Amino acid sequence: MTAVKLKVKKGDKVIVRTGRDKGKIGTVLKVLKEDSALIVEGVNVVKKHVKPTQYSAGGIEQKESKIHVSNVALLDPKTEQPSKVGFKIQKDGSKVRFAKKSGEII
C-alpha cells in the first residue's frame, strides 16, 4: 500500500469525529504515514501489559494507540472548531496550510 500525503502534522490540535473517543481534543504526537494514522495525546488509550526488565518494574501501562486520519479533524486556530485544510502559495513562493472555515493560516 502506498503512503498518502497527509494534511495533519505533529503538534497540530485535532478533534476526534467518530468512535469511542468522539469529541476528545488532543495534540498530534506522531504521524504514521504508512498506515495513514496518527497518535494523539489522550485519545484511544489502551492498557498494555509489560514484563519487568532491568530498567523498569513492569506492570500495566497505559499508552496511546493509533487512530486513522479520517476519524479526526484539524481544529481551526481562530474559532477552535473542526475545519478542513487547504493549501495556498503565498507571494514569496512558500506553500502554507490554511483552515477553510476562517481562512486562518495554520
Protein backbone atom coordinates (compact mmCIF):
# COMPACT_ATOMS: atom_id res chain seq x y z
CA MET A 1 0.00 0.00 0.00
CA THR A 2 1.31 3.44 -0.86
CA ALA A 3 1.65 6.22 1.67
CA VAL A 4 -0.79 9.10 1.34
CA LYS A 5 0.07 12.80 1.68
CA LEU A 6 -1.49 13.88 4.97
CA LYS A 7 -2.69 17.37 5.84
CA VAL A 8 -2.07 16.90 9.57
CA LYS A 9 1.37 17.38 11.14
CA LYS A 10 2.98 16.73 14.50
CA GLY A 11 1.92 19.34 17.05
CA ASP A 12 -1.48 20.11 15.46
CA LYS A 13 -4.61 20.21 17.63
CA VAL A 14 -7.25 17.79 16.40
CA ILE A 15 -10.72 16.64 17.46
CA VAL A 16 -11.93 13.05 17.16
CA ARG A 17 -15.02 12.83 14.93
CA THR A 18 -16.01 9.15 15.36
CA GLY A 19 -15.51 6.17 17.66
CA ARG A 20 -15.48 5.73 21.40
CA ASP A 21 -13.34 8.86 21.91
CA LYS A 22 -15.68 11.09 19.86
CA GLY A 23 -15.40 14.75 20.87
CA LYS A 24 -11.99 14.47 22.56
CA ILE A 25 -9.39 17.07 21.67
CA GLY A 26 -5.67 16.34 21.66
CA THR A 27 -2.31 17.20 20.17
CA VAL A 28 -0.76 15.01 17.48
CA LEU A 29 2.29 13.26 18.95
CA LYS A 30 3.28 11.20 15.91
CA VAL A 31 2.24 10.82 12.27
CA LEU A 32 2.36 7.31 10.78
CA LYS A 33 2.32 7.92 7.02
CA GLU A 34 2.50 4.23 6.04
CA ASP A 35 -0.73 3.45 7.92
CA SER A 36 -2.41 6.84 7.30
CA ALA A 37 -2.74 7.04 11.08
CA LEU A 38 -1.90 9.37 13.95
CA ILE A 39 -1.04 9.03 17.60
CA VAL A 40 -2.96 11.70 19.50
CA GLU A 41 -2.34 12.66 23.13
CA GLY A 42 -5.06 11.27 25.42
CA VAL A 43 -7.01 9.59 22.60
CA ASN A 44 -7.51 5.84 22.01
CA VAL A 45 -5.71 4.97 25.26
CA VAL A 46 -5.12 1.23 25.71
CA LYS A 47 -3.71 -0.82 28.57
CA LYS A 48 -0.57 -2.78 27.78
CA HIS A 49 0.92 -5.50 29.97
CA VAL A 50 4.70 -5.01 30.23
CA LYS A 51 7.18 -7.57 31.54
CA PRO A 52 9.60 -6.38 34.19
CA THR A 53 13.09 -5.64 32.87
CA GLN A 54 16.36 -4.48 34.28
CA TYR A 55 15.25 -0.87 33.78
CA SER A 56 11.50 -0.92 34.56
CA ALA A 57 9.32 -2.61 37.13
CA GLY A 58 6.76 -3.79 34.57
CA GLY A 59 3.03 -3.98 35.19
CA ILE A 60 0.12 -2.48 33.29
CA GLU A 61 0.92 0.68 31.34
CA GLN A 62 -1.50 3.00 29.60
CA LYS A 63 -0.44 4.34 26.23
CA GLU A 64 -1.99 5.99 23.20
CA SER A 65 -2.74 3.73 20.25
CA LYS A 66 -3.00 4.85 16.64
CA ILE A 67 -6.18 6.34 15.16
CA HIS A 68 -6.94 6.63 11.46
CA VAL A 69 -6.53 10.11 10.00
CA SER A 70 -10.07 10.03 8.54
CA ASN A 71 -11.51 9.89 12.08
CA VAL A 72 -10.05 13.22 13.15
CA ALA A 73 -10.44 16.83 12.03
CA LEU A 74 -7.99 19.67 12.46
CA LEU A 75 -9.12 22.44 14.81
CA ASP A 76 -9.34 25.94 13.38
CA PRO A 77 -6.81 28.08 15.34
CA LYS A 78 -9.17 31.09 15.30
CA THR A 79 -12.53 29.54 16.28
CA GLU A 80 -11.46 26.20 17.85
CA GLN A 81 -14.00 24.45 15.60
CA PRO A 82 -13.28 21.48 13.27
CA SER A 83 -12.23 22.62 9.81
CA LYS A 84 -10.97 21.22 6.53
CA VAL A 85 -7.44 22.10 5.46
CA GLY A 86 -6.38 23.75 2.23
CA PHE A 87 -3.06 24.78 0.74
CA LYS A 88 -2.14 28.08 -0.85
CA ILE A 89 1.00 29.59 -2.28
CA GLN A 90 1.99 32.93 -0.77
CA LYS A 91 3.55 35.83 -2.67
CA ASP A 92 7.05 34.86 -1.53
CA GLY A 93 6.55 31.37 -3.04
CA SER A 94 6.10 29.43 0.22
CA LYS A 95 3.30 26.87 0.49
CA VAL A 96 1.18 27.18 3.64
CA ARG A 97 -1.80 25.33 5.13
CA PHE A 98 -4.95 27.24 6.00
CA ALA A 99 -8.25 26.45 7.71
CA LYS A 100 -11.04 26.60 5.15
CA LYS A 101 -13.66 27.84 7.67
CA SER A 102 -11.89 31.03 8.73
CA GLY A 103 -9.04 31.34 6.23
CA GLU A 104 -6.56 31.47 9.12
CA ILE A 105 -3.03 30.19 8.34
CA ILE A 106 -2.07 27.15 10.39
